[in-house]
């Protein structure tokens, strides 16, 4: 999986600023920004870039908050708790 989930940033963080932080690790194929939820989805061109970004960015302070970064799991592999 080359997609990362990013969460925990404040509404003060601009899309452009967050995207620029992740471009430092490699070419981005897709970037979705959900300011109302304080989350984003970053899809890298290659797995190495995604892995480096997750390692460096997870726990980083950005816009007054500490962000969480993890690999995004495909919907089909998520378990539904009943």
N, C-alpha and C. Protein backbone atom coordinates (compact mmCIF):
# COMPACT_ATOMS: atom_id res chain seq x y z
N UNK A 1 0.85 -1.18 0.00
CA UNK A 1 0.00 0.00 0.00
C UNK A 1 0.89 1.24 0.00
N UNK A 2 0.60 2.17 -0.87
CA UNK A 2 1.38 3.40 -0.97
C UNK A 2 0.58 4.60 -0.46
N UNK A 3 -0.56 4.31 0.19
CA UNK A 3 -1.41 5.39 0.68
C UNK A 3 -1.25 5.55 2.18
N UNK A 4 -1.16 6.81 2.61
CA UNK A 4 -1.04 7.12 4.02
C UNK A 4 -2.25 7.90 4.49
N UNK A 5 -2.69 7.59 5.69
CA UNK A 5 -3.73 8.36 6.36
C UNK A 5 -3.02 9.33 7.30
N UNK A 6 -3.44 10.58 7.30
CA UNK A 6 -2.85 11.60 8.16
C UNK A 6 -3.96 12.22 8.98
N UNK A 7 -3.78 12.30 10.27
CA UNK A 7 -4.81 12.88 11.13
C UNK A 7 -4.20 13.64 12.28
N UNK A 8 -5.06 14.37 12.99
CA UNK A 8 -4.62 15.07 14.19
C UNK A 8 -4.11 16.48 13.98
N UNK A 9 -4.19 16.98 12.75
CA UNK A 9 -3.73 18.35 12.55
C UNK A 9 -4.87 19.33 12.78
N UNK A 10 -4.52 20.54 13.16
CA UNK A 10 -5.53 21.55 13.47
C UNK A 10 -6.07 22.20 12.20
N UNK A 11 -7.25 22.84 12.31
CA UNK A 11 -7.82 23.55 11.15
C UNK A 11 -6.93 24.69 10.66
N UNK A 12 -5.95 25.09 11.48
CA UNK A 12 -5.03 26.16 11.09
C UNK A 12 -4.03 25.70 10.03
N UNK A 13 -3.90 24.39 9.84
CA UNK A 13 -2.96 23.85 8.86
C UNK A 13 -3.59 23.94 7.47
N UNK A 14 -2.92 24.60 6.55
CA UNK A 14 -3.41 24.75 5.18
C UNK A 14 -3.08 23.52 4.36
N UNK A 15 -3.94 23.23 3.41
CA UNK A 15 -3.72 22.09 2.51
C UNK A 15 -2.33 22.16 1.86
N UNK A 16 -1.98 23.33 1.36
CA UNK A 16 -0.72 23.51 0.65
C UNK A 16 0.48 23.21 1.55
N UNK A 17 0.38 23.63 2.82
CA UNK A 17 1.48 23.42 3.76
C UNK A 17 1.64 21.93 4.08
N UNK A 18 0.53 21.25 4.30
CA UNK A 18 0.60 19.82 4.61
C UNK A 18 1.11 19.03 3.41
N UNK A 19 0.60 19.36 2.23
CA UNK A 19 1.04 18.67 1.02
C UNK A 19 2.54 18.89 0.78
N UNK A 20 3.01 20.10 1.02
CA UNK A 20 4.44 20.41 0.83
C UNK A 20 5.31 19.58 1.77
N UNK A 21 4.84 19.33 2.98
CA UNK A 21 5.60 18.51 3.93
C UNK A 21 5.79 17.09 3.39
N UNK A 22 4.78 16.55 2.74
CA UNK A 22 4.86 15.17 2.24
C UNK A 22 5.59 15.07 0.90
N UNK A 23 5.58 16.15 0.12
CA UNK A 23 6.34 16.15 -1.15
C UNK A 23 7.83 15.98 -0.91
N UNK A 24 8.30 16.32 0.28
CA UNK A 24 9.72 16.19 0.61
C UNK A 24 10.20 14.74 0.52
N UNK A 25 9.27 13.79 0.58
CA UNK A 25 9.63 12.37 0.61
C UNK A 25 9.53 11.68 -0.74
N UNK A 26 8.91 12.33 -1.71
CA UNK A 26 8.79 11.73 -3.03
C UNK A 26 7.55 12.20 -3.77
N UNK A 27 7.41 11.71 -4.98
CA UNK A 27 6.31 12.11 -5.85
C UNK A 27 4.97 11.61 -5.31
N UNK A 28 4.01 12.52 -5.24
CA UNK A 28 2.67 12.19 -4.76
C UNK A 28 1.75 11.99 -5.97
N UNK A 29 1.04 10.87 -5.97
CA UNK A 29 0.06 10.60 -7.04
C UNK A 29 -1.28 11.26 -6.76
N UNK A 30 -1.69 11.25 -5.48
CA UNK A 30 -2.99 11.80 -5.12
C UNK A 30 -2.91 12.34 -3.70
N UNK A 31 -3.61 13.47 -3.47
CA UNK A 31 -3.63 14.09 -2.15
C UNK A 31 -5.05 14.57 -1.88
N UNK A 32 -5.67 13.99 -0.87
CA UNK A 32 -7.02 14.40 -0.47
C UNK A 32 -6.94 15.04 0.90
N UNK A 33 -7.61 16.18 1.06
CA UNK A 33 -7.54 16.97 2.29
C UNK A 33 -8.95 17.20 2.80
N UNK A 34 -9.22 16.77 4.02
CA UNK A 34 -10.56 16.91 4.60
C UNK A 34 -10.45 17.80 5.84
N UNK A 35 -10.50 19.11 5.62
CA UNK A 35 -10.31 20.07 6.71
C UNK A 35 -11.38 19.90 7.79
N UNK A 36 -12.60 19.54 7.41
CA UNK A 36 -13.68 19.39 8.38
C UNK A 36 -13.43 18.22 9.34
N UNK A 37 -12.67 17.24 8.91
CA UNK A 37 -12.34 16.08 9.75
C UNK A 37 -10.92 16.13 10.30
N UNK A 38 -10.14 17.08 9.83
CA UNK A 38 -8.74 17.17 10.27
C UNK A 38 -7.92 15.98 9.82
N UNK A 39 -8.25 15.47 8.62
CA UNK A 39 -7.52 14.31 8.09
C UNK A 39 -7.14 14.55 6.63
N UNK A 40 -6.22 13.74 6.17
CA UNK A 40 -5.80 13.78 4.77
C UNK A 40 -5.40 12.37 4.35
N UNK A 41 -5.38 12.16 3.05
CA UNK A 41 -4.92 10.90 2.48
C UNK A 41 -3.86 11.24 1.43
N UNK A 42 -2.70 10.63 1.58
CA UNK A 42 -1.58 10.89 0.67
C UNK A 42 -1.21 9.60 -0.03
N UNK A 43 -1.23 9.61 -1.36
CA UNK A 43 -0.83 8.43 -2.11
C UNK A 43 0.47 8.74 -2.85
N UNK A 44 1.50 7.99 -2.51
CA UNK A 44 2.81 8.18 -3.13
C UNK A 44 2.95 7.30 -4.37
N UNK A 45 3.87 7.68 -5.23
CA UNK A 45 4.17 6.92 -6.43
C UNK A 45 4.83 5.59 -6.07
N UNK A 46 5.67 5.59 -5.02
CA UNK A 46 6.30 4.33 -4.64
C UNK A 46 6.25 4.08 -3.14
N UNK A 47 6.37 2.83 -2.77
CA UNK A 47 6.24 2.38 -1.39
C UNK A 47 7.34 2.92 -0.49
N UNK A 48 8.57 3.01 -1.01
CA UNK A 48 9.69 3.51 -0.19
C UNK A 48 9.43 4.93 0.30
N UNK A 49 8.90 5.77 -0.59
CA UNK A 49 8.60 7.16 -0.21
C UNK A 49 7.52 7.19 0.86
N UNK A 50 6.50 6.37 0.71
CA UNK A 50 5.42 6.31 1.70
C UNK A 50 5.94 5.84 3.05
N UNK A 51 6.79 4.83 3.05
CA UNK A 51 7.35 4.30 4.30
C UNK A 51 8.22 5.34 5.00
N UNK A 52 9.05 6.05 4.23
CA UNK A 52 9.89 7.11 4.81
C UNK A 52 9.03 8.22 5.39
N UNK A 53 8.01 8.63 4.66
CA UNK A 53 7.13 9.71 5.12
C UNK A 53 6.43 9.31 6.42
N UNK A 54 5.95 8.07 6.48
CA UNK A 54 5.27 7.63 7.69
C UNK A 54 6.24 7.64 8.88
N UNK A 55 7.43 7.13 8.68
CA UNK A 55 8.41 7.05 9.76
C UNK A 55 8.78 8.43 10.30
N UNK A 56 9.02 9.37 9.40
CA UNK A 56 9.47 10.71 9.81
C UNK A 56 8.31 11.58 10.30
N UNK A 57 7.16 11.52 9.63
CA UNK A 57 6.06 12.44 9.93
C UNK A 57 5.18 12.01 11.10
N UNK A 58 5.11 10.72 11.40
CA UNK A 58 4.25 10.27 12.49
C UNK A 58 4.75 10.83 13.81
N UNK A 59 3.87 11.56 14.50
CA UNK A 59 4.22 12.18 15.78
C UNK A 59 4.80 13.58 15.67
N UNK A 60 4.99 14.06 14.43
CA UNK A 60 5.55 15.40 14.22
C UNK A 60 4.55 16.46 14.65
N UNK A 61 5.05 17.54 15.23
CA UNK A 61 4.17 18.66 15.60
C UNK A 61 3.99 19.56 14.38
N UNK A 62 2.73 19.82 14.09
CA UNK A 62 2.40 20.62 12.91
C UNK A 62 1.17 21.47 13.23
N UNK A 63 1.28 22.77 13.08
CA UNK A 63 0.15 23.66 13.33
C UNK A 63 -0.37 23.60 14.75
N UNK A 64 0.53 23.38 15.70
CA UNK A 64 0.13 23.37 17.11
C UNK A 64 -0.34 22.01 17.60
N UNK A 65 -0.43 21.03 16.72
CA UNK A 65 -0.86 19.70 17.13
C UNK A 65 0.11 18.63 16.67
N UNK A 66 -0.01 17.47 17.27
CA UNK A 66 0.84 16.35 16.91
C UNK A 66 0.06 15.47 15.93
N UNK A 67 0.62 15.24 14.75
CA UNK A 67 -0.10 14.48 13.73
C UNK A 67 0.19 12.98 13.84
N UNK A 68 -0.76 12.20 13.38
CA UNK A 68 -0.63 10.74 13.31
C UNK A 68 -0.57 10.37 11.83
N UNK A 69 0.33 9.48 11.48
CA UNK A 69 0.46 9.02 10.10
C UNK A 69 0.54 7.50 10.12
N UNK A 70 -0.27 6.87 9.29
CA UNK A 70 -0.26 5.41 9.21
C UNK A 70 -0.63 5.00 7.79
N UNK A 71 -0.30 3.75 7.45
CA UNK A 71 -0.71 3.24 6.15
C UNK A 71 -2.23 3.09 6.13
N UNK A 72 -2.82 3.49 5.04
CA UNK A 72 -4.26 3.36 4.86
C UNK A 72 -4.55 1.94 4.40
N UNK A 73 -5.44 1.27 5.12
CA UNK A 73 -5.80 -0.09 4.76
C UNK A 73 -6.97 -0.08 3.80
N UNK A 74 -6.96 -0.94 2.81
CA UNK A 74 -8.10 -1.01 1.89
C UNK A 74 -9.38 -1.40 2.62
N UNK A 75 -10.49 -0.88 2.17
CA UNK A 75 -11.79 -1.16 2.80
C UNK A 75 -12.05 -2.64 2.95
N UNK A 76 -11.69 -3.44 1.96
CA UNK A 76 -12.02 -4.87 1.94
C UNK A 76 -11.30 -5.66 3.04
N UNK A 77 -10.20 -5.12 3.58
CA UNK A 77 -9.46 -5.86 4.59
C UNK A 77 -9.80 -5.41 6.00
N UNK A 78 -10.61 -4.39 6.15
CA UNK A 78 -10.99 -3.93 7.47
C UNK A 78 -12.03 -4.88 8.06
N UNK A 79 -11.88 -5.15 9.34
CA UNK A 79 -12.85 -6.02 10.01
C UNK A 79 -13.91 -5.17 10.66
N UNK A 80 -15.12 -5.62 10.56
CA UNK A 80 -16.24 -4.93 11.19
C UNK A 80 -16.47 -5.58 12.54
N UNK A 81 -16.45 -4.77 13.59
CA UNK A 81 -16.67 -5.31 14.93
C UNK A 81 -18.17 -5.32 15.20
N UNK A 82 -18.69 -6.47 15.54
CA UNK A 82 -20.12 -6.61 15.83
C UNK A 82 -20.36 -6.73 17.31
